[in-house]
Amino acid sequence: MEEKLKALLALDETIRHRREHPQEGSYTCYLFDKGIDKILKKCGEENAEMIIAAKNNDPDEIANEVSDLLFHILVMMQERGVSLEAVLDILASRSMKTGNLKTFHQVDHNS
């Protein structure tokens, strides 16, 4: 599992490098060149495809669509200056919590 985490960190580093040192023909550079609206559009498209994959209940399709979505999320994070390490820190701190179920207020639609 540690090797797979290293691969995720390496992908994030590659995205950062593409942003700082654009390369002609790079899809990542294309996204950065088009800007946040294009990046967010791709995040939305990939999210919709991931939802459809989950509805189809096909583990391979789900894994592929989550991978596409995660890539585009990493691009968006780089564009907005949010580090993967910051997200991993938050996830790590949340993994230490138990009983973190939020209480939702109920609305009486009859009143």
N, C-alpha and C. Protein backbone atom coordinates (compact mmCIF):
# COMPACT_ATOMS: atom_id res chain seq x y z
N MET A 1 0.82 -1.20 0.00
CA MET A 1 0.00 0.00 0.00
C MET A 1 0.86 1.26 0.00
N GLU A 2 1.99 1.21 0.66
CA GLU A 2 2.87 2.38 0.72
C GLU A 2 3.35 2.77 -0.67
N GLU A 3 3.61 1.79 -1.53
CA GLU A 3 4.03 2.09 -2.90
C GLU A 3 2.92 2.80 -3.67
N LYS A 4 1.69 2.43 -3.41
CA LYS A 4 0.57 3.07 -4.10
C LYS A 4 0.38 4.50 -3.62
N LEU A 5 0.61 4.74 -2.34
CA LEU A 5 0.56 6.11 -1.84
C LEU A 5 1.68 6.94 -2.47
N LYS A 6 2.84 6.33 -2.63
CA LYS A 6 3.95 7.03 -3.29
C LYS A 6 3.59 7.37 -4.73
N ALA A 7 2.85 6.48 -5.39
CA ALA A 7 2.42 6.75 -6.77
C ALA A 7 1.47 7.94 -6.81
N LEU A 8 0.57 8.05 -5.84
CA LEU A 8 -0.33 9.20 -5.77
C LEU A 8 0.45 10.49 -5.54
N LEU A 9 1.40 10.45 -4.64
CA LEU A 9 2.24 11.61 -4.38
C LEU A 9 3.07 11.97 -5.61
N ALA A 10 3.54 10.96 -6.34
CA ALA A 10 4.32 11.21 -7.56
C ALA A 10 3.43 11.84 -8.64
N LEU A 11 2.19 11.40 -8.75
CA LEU A 11 1.27 12.00 -9.71
C LEU A 11 1.04 13.47 -9.36
N ASP A 12 0.82 13.75 -8.09
CA ASP A 12 0.63 15.12 -7.65
C ASP A 12 1.86 15.97 -7.98
N GLU A 13 3.03 15.42 -7.79
CA GLU A 13 4.28 16.13 -8.11
C GLU A 13 4.40 16.36 -9.62
N THR A 14 4.01 15.38 -10.42
CA THR A 14 4.04 15.54 -11.88
C THR A 14 3.10 16.67 -12.31
N ILE A 15 1.92 16.72 -11.71
CA ILE A 15 0.96 17.79 -12.03
C ILE A 15 1.55 19.14 -11.66
N ARG A 16 2.16 19.23 -10.49
CA ARG A 16 2.80 20.49 -10.06
C ARG A 16 3.90 20.88 -11.04
N HIS A 17 4.71 19.91 -11.44
CA HIS A 17 5.81 20.18 -12.37
C HIS A 17 5.27 20.67 -13.72
N ARG A 18 4.19 20.06 -14.21
CA ARG A 18 3.59 20.49 -15.48
C ARG A 18 3.09 21.92 -15.38
N ARG A 19 2.56 22.27 -14.22
CA ARG A 19 2.06 23.64 -14.04
C ARG A 19 3.21 24.64 -14.07
N GLU A 20 4.30 24.29 -13.43
CA GLU A 20 5.45 25.19 -13.35
C GLU A 20 6.31 25.17 -14.61
N HIS A 21 6.29 24.06 -15.33
CA HIS A 21 7.12 23.90 -16.54
C HIS A 21 6.26 23.28 -17.65
N PRO A 22 5.41 24.09 -18.27
CA PRO A 22 4.50 23.57 -19.30
C PRO A 22 5.23 22.84 -20.42
N GLN A 23 4.60 21.77 -20.88
CA GLN A 23 5.12 20.99 -21.99
C GLN A 23 4.06 20.92 -23.08
N GLU A 24 4.47 21.21 -24.29
CA GLU A 24 3.54 21.16 -25.41
C GLU A 24 2.98 19.75 -25.57
N GLY A 25 1.69 19.66 -25.78
CA GLY A 25 1.04 18.37 -25.99
C GLY A 25 0.58 17.70 -24.71
N SER A 26 0.87 18.29 -23.56
CA SER A 26 0.46 17.70 -22.28
C SER A 26 -0.99 18.05 -21.98
N TYR A 27 -1.79 17.02 -21.68
CA TYR A 27 -3.18 17.24 -21.33
C TYR A 27 -3.28 18.08 -20.05
N THR A 28 -2.41 17.81 -19.10
CA THR A 28 -2.41 18.57 -17.85
C THR A 28 -2.14 20.05 -18.12
N CYS A 29 -1.17 20.34 -18.98
CA CYS A 29 -0.87 21.72 -19.33
C CYS A 29 -2.04 22.37 -20.06
N TYR A 30 -2.71 21.59 -20.90
CA TYR A 30 -3.90 22.08 -21.59
C TYR A 30 -4.94 22.55 -20.57
N LEU A 31 -5.16 21.73 -19.53
CA LEU A 31 -6.14 22.10 -18.51
C LEU A 31 -5.73 23.38 -17.80
N PHE A 32 -4.46 23.48 -17.41
CA PHE A 32 -4.00 24.70 -16.75
C PHE A 32 -4.13 25.91 -17.67
N ASP A 33 -3.84 25.72 -18.95
CA ASP A 33 -3.93 26.81 -19.92
C ASP A 33 -5.37 27.30 -20.07
N LYS A 34 -6.32 26.37 -20.05
CA LYS A 34 -7.74 26.72 -20.21
C LYS A 34 -8.32 27.35 -18.95
N GLY A 35 -7.74 27.04 -17.79
CA GLY A 35 -8.15 27.70 -16.56
C GLY A 35 -9.14 26.93 -15.72
N ILE A 36 -9.52 27.56 -14.63
CA ILE A 36 -10.32 26.91 -13.60
C ILE A 36 -11.68 26.47 -14.11
N ASP A 37 -12.32 27.24 -15.00
CA ASP A 37 -13.63 26.83 -15.49
C ASP A 37 -13.57 25.49 -16.21
N LYS A 38 -12.55 25.30 -17.06
CA LYS A 38 -12.39 24.04 -17.78
C LYS A 38 -12.07 22.91 -16.80
N ILE A 39 -11.20 23.18 -15.84
CA ILE A 39 -10.83 22.17 -14.85
C ILE A 39 -12.06 21.73 -14.06
N LEU A 40 -12.86 22.70 -13.62
CA LEU A 40 -14.07 22.37 -12.86
C LEU A 40 -15.09 21.63 -13.71
N LYS A 41 -15.20 21.99 -14.99
CA LYS A 41 -16.10 21.29 -15.89
C LYS A 41 -15.69 19.82 -15.99
N LYS A 42 -14.39 19.58 -16.11
CA LYS A 42 -13.90 18.20 -16.19
C LYS A 42 -14.15 17.46 -14.87
N CYS A 43 -13.98 18.14 -13.74
CA CYS A 43 -14.29 17.51 -12.44
C CYS A 43 -15.76 17.09 -12.40
N GLY A 44 -16.64 17.97 -12.86
CA GLY A 44 -18.06 17.66 -12.88
C GLY A 44 -18.39 16.49 -13.80
N GLU A 45 -17.80 16.48 -14.99
CA GLU A 45 -18.03 15.39 -15.94
C GLU A 45 -17.55 14.06 -15.35
N GLU A 46 -16.35 14.07 -14.79
CA GLU A 46 -15.81 12.84 -14.24
C GLU A 46 -16.60 12.37 -13.03
N ASN A 47 -17.10 13.32 -12.24
CA ASN A 47 -17.94 12.95 -11.10
C ASN A 47 -19.22 12.27 -11.57
N ALA A 48 -19.84 12.81 -12.60
CA ALA A 48 -21.05 12.21 -13.15
C ALA A 48 -20.77 10.80 -13.68
N GLU A 49 -19.64 10.63 -14.36
CA GLU A 49 -19.27 9.31 -14.88
C GLU A 49 -19.01 8.33 -13.74
N MET A 50 -18.43 8.80 -12.65
CA MET A 50 -18.19 7.95 -11.49
C MET A 50 -19.52 7.51 -10.87
N ILE A 51 -20.48 8.42 -10.80
CA ILE A 51 -21.79 8.08 -10.26
C ILE A 51 -22.46 7.01 -11.11
N ILE A 52 -22.39 7.17 -12.42
CA ILE A 52 -22.98 6.19 -13.33
C ILE A 52 -22.29 4.84 -13.16
N ALA A 53 -20.98 4.84 -13.03
CA ALA A 53 -20.23 3.60 -12.83
C ALA A 53 -20.69 2.91 -11.54
N ALA A 54 -20.90 3.70 -10.49
CA ALA A 54 -21.35 3.13 -9.22
C ALA A 54 -22.75 2.55 -9.37
N LYS A 55 -23.61 3.24 -10.11
CA LYS A 55 -24.96 2.72 -10.35
C LYS A 55 -24.90 1.43 -11.16
N ASN A 56 -23.92 1.34 -12.07
CA ASN A 56 -23.75 0.12 -12.89
C ASN A 56 -23.16 -1.03 -12.08
N ASN A 57 -22.62 -0.72 -10.90
CA ASN A 57 -22.05 -1.71 -9.99
C ASN A 57 -20.96 -2.55 -10.68
N ASP A 58 -20.09 -1.87 -11.41
CA ASP A 58 -18.97 -2.52 -12.09
C ASP A 58 -17.67 -2.05 -11.44
N PRO A 59 -17.04 -2.88 -10.61
CA PRO A 59 -15.85 -2.45 -9.87
C PRO A 59 -14.72 -1.90 -10.75
N ASP A 60 -14.49 -2.49 -11.91
CA ASP A 60 -13.43 -1.99 -12.79
C ASP A 60 -13.78 -0.61 -13.34
N GLU A 61 -15.03 -0.45 -13.74
CA GLU A 61 -15.49 0.85 -14.25
C GLU A 61 -15.42 1.91 -13.15
N ILE A 62 -15.83 1.53 -11.94
CA ILE A 62 -15.78 2.46 -10.81
C ILE A 62 -14.34 2.90 -10.56
N ALA A 63 -13.42 1.93 -10.51
CA ALA A 63 -12.00 2.25 -10.25
C ALA A 63 -11.46 3.19 -11.33
N ASN A 64 -11.80 2.95 -12.59
CA ASN A 64 -11.33 3.82 -13.67
C ASN A 64 -11.90 5.22 -13.55
N GLU A 65 -13.18 5.34 -13.25
CA GLU A 65 -13.80 6.66 -13.16
C GLU A 65 -13.34 7.42 -11.92
N VAL A 66 -13.14 6.73 -10.81
CA VAL A 66 -12.60 7.39 -9.62
C VAL A 66 -11.19 7.89 -9.91
N SER A 67 -10.41 7.10 -10.64
CA SER A 67 -9.06 7.53 -11.01
C SER A 67 -9.09 8.78 -11.86
N ASP A 68 -9.98 8.83 -12.84
CA ASP A 68 -10.12 10.03 -13.67
C ASP A 68 -10.53 11.23 -12.82
N LEU A 69 -11.50 11.03 -11.93
CA LEU A 69 -11.96 12.11 -11.07
C LEU A 69 -10.85 12.58 -10.15
N LEU A 70 -10.12 11.65 -9.56
CA LEU A 70 -9.04 12.02 -8.65
C LEU A 70 -7.97 12.83 -9.38
N PHE A 71 -7.63 12.44 -10.60
CA PHE A 71 -6.66 13.20 -11.38
C PHE A 71 -7.13 14.64 -11.55
N HIS A 72 -8.37 14.82 -11.97
CA HIS A 72 -8.88 16.16 -12.20
C HIS A 72 -9.00 16.96 -10.91
N ILE A 73 -9.31 16.30 -9.81
CA ILE A 73 -9.33 16.97 -8.51
C ILE A 73 -7.93 17.45 -8.15
N LEU A 74 -6.92 16.63 -8.40
CA LEU A 74 -5.54 17.03 -8.11
C LEU A 74 -5.13 18.24 -8.95
N VAL A 75 -5.56 18.27 -10.21
CA VAL A 75 -5.29 19.42 -11.06
C VAL A 75 -5.96 20.66 -10.48
N MET A 76 -7.22 20.53 -10.07
CA MET A 76 -7.94 21.66 -9.48
C MET A 76 -7.24 22.14 -8.21
N MET A 77 -6.80 21.20 -7.39
CA MET A 77 -6.12 21.57 -6.15
C MET A 77 -4.84 22.35 -6.45
N GLN A 78 -4.07 21.90 -7.44
CA GLN A 78 -2.85 22.62 -7.83
C GLN A 78 -3.20 24.02 -8.33
N GLU A 79 -4.26 24.11 -9.12
CA GLU A 79 -4.68 25.41 -9.67
C GLU A 79 -5.05 26.38 -8.55
N ARG A 80 -5.62 25.85 -7.47
CA ARG A 80 -6.09 26.69 -6.37
C ARG A 80 -5.11 26.74 -5.20
N GLY A 81 -3.96 26.10 -5.34
CA GLY A 81 -2.93 26.19 -4.30
C GLY A 81 -3.20 25.36 -3.06
N VAL A 82 -3.93 24.28 -3.22
CA VAL A 82 -4.22 23.38 -2.10
C VAL A 82 -3.35 22.14 -2.26
N SER A 83 -2.55 21.84 -1.24
CA SER A 83 -1.62 20.70 -1.36
C SER A 83 -2.32 19.39 -1.02
N LEU A 84 -1.84 18.34 -1.65
CA LEU A 84 -2.31 17.00 -1.34
C LEU A 84 -1.98 16.67 0.12
N GLU A 85 -0.85 17.13 0.58
CA GLU A 85 -0.45 16.88 1.97
C GLU A 85 -1.47 17.47 2.94
N ALA A 86 -2.00 18.66 2.63
CA ALA A 86 -3.01 19.27 3.50
C ALA A 86 -4.26 18.40 3.58
N VAL A 87 -4.67 17.86 2.45
CA VAL A 87 -5.85 16.98 2.42
C VAL A 87 -5.56 15.69 3.19
N LEU A 88 -4.38 15.12 2.98
CA LEU A 88 -4.02 13.89 3.69
C LEU A 88 -3.94 14.13 5.19
N ASP A 89 -3.47 15.30 5.60
CA ASP A 89 -3.43 15.64 7.03
C ASP A 89 -4.84 15.66 7.62
N ILE A 90 -5.77 16.26 6.90
CA ILE A 90 -7.15 16.33 7.37
C ILE A 90 -7.75 14.92 7.46
N LEU A 91 -7.52 14.12 6.43
CA LEU A 91 -8.03 12.75 6.45
C LEU A 91 -7.44 11.95 7.60
N ALA A 92 -6.14 12.13 7.85
CA ALA A 92 -5.48 11.43 8.95
C ALA A 92 -6.09 11.84 10.29
N SER A 93 -6.34 13.14 10.47
CA SER A 93 -6.93 13.58 11.75
C SER A 93 -8.36 13.08 11.88
N ARG A 94 -9.08 13.00 10.79
CA ARG A 94 -10.46 12.49 10.85
C ARG A 94 -10.48 11.00 11.15
N SER A 95 -9.47 10.28 10.70
CA SER A 95 -9.44 8.84 10.94
C SER A 95 -9.26 8.52 12.41
N MET A 96 -8.81 9.48 13.19
CA MET A 96 -8.61 9.28 14.63
C MET A 96 -9.89 9.49 15.42
N LYS A 97 -10.91 10.06 14.78
CA LYS A 97 -12.15 10.38 15.48
C LYS A 97 -13.11 9.20 15.43
N THR A 98 -13.88 9.06 16.49
CA THR A 98 -15.00 8.12 16.48
C THR A 98 -16.23 8.88 16.93
N GLY A 99 -17.38 8.36 16.58
CA GLY A 99 -18.61 9.05 16.96
C GLY A 99 -18.73 10.40 16.31
N ASN A 100 -18.32 10.49 15.04
CA ASN A 100 -18.30 11.77 14.34
C ASN A 100 -19.56 11.98 13.50
N LEU A 101 -20.61 11.21 13.79
CA LEU A 101 -21.85 11.35 13.04
C LEU A 101 -22.49 12.69 13.38
N LYS A 102 -22.74 13.47 12.36
CA LYS A 102 -23.35 14.78 12.57
C LYS A 102 -24.84 14.62 12.80
N THR A 103 -25.37 15.43 13.68
CA THR A 103 -26.80 15.43 13.95
C THR A 103 -27.44 16.44 13.02
N PHE A 104 -28.41 15.97 12.27
CA PHE A 104 -29.11 16.84 11.34
C PHE A 104 -30.44 17.22 11.95
N HIS A 105 -30.81 18.48 11.82
CA HIS A 105 -32.10 18.90 12.33
C HIS A 105 -33.18 18.45 11.35
N GLN A 106 -34.29 18.07 11.91
CA GLN A 106 -35.41 17.62 11.09
C GLN A 106 -36.35 18.78 10.87
N VAL A 107 -36.89 18.85 9.68
CA VAL A 107 -37.81 19.92 9.33
C VAL A 107 -39.20 19.33 9.25
N ASP A 108 -40.15 19.95 9.94
CA ASP A 108 -41.53 19.51 9.89
C ASP A 108 -42.18 20.20 8.70
N HIS A 109 -42.45 19.43 7.66
CA HIS A 109 -43.03 20.01 6.44
C HIS A 109 -44.53 20.28 6.56
N ASN A 110 -45.11 19.87 7.69
CA ASN A 110 -46.55 20.06 7.90
C ASN A 110 -46.87 21.41 8.54
N SER A 111 -45.87 22.15 8.97
CA SER A 111 -46.17 23.42 9.64
C SER A 111 -45.92 24.60 8.77
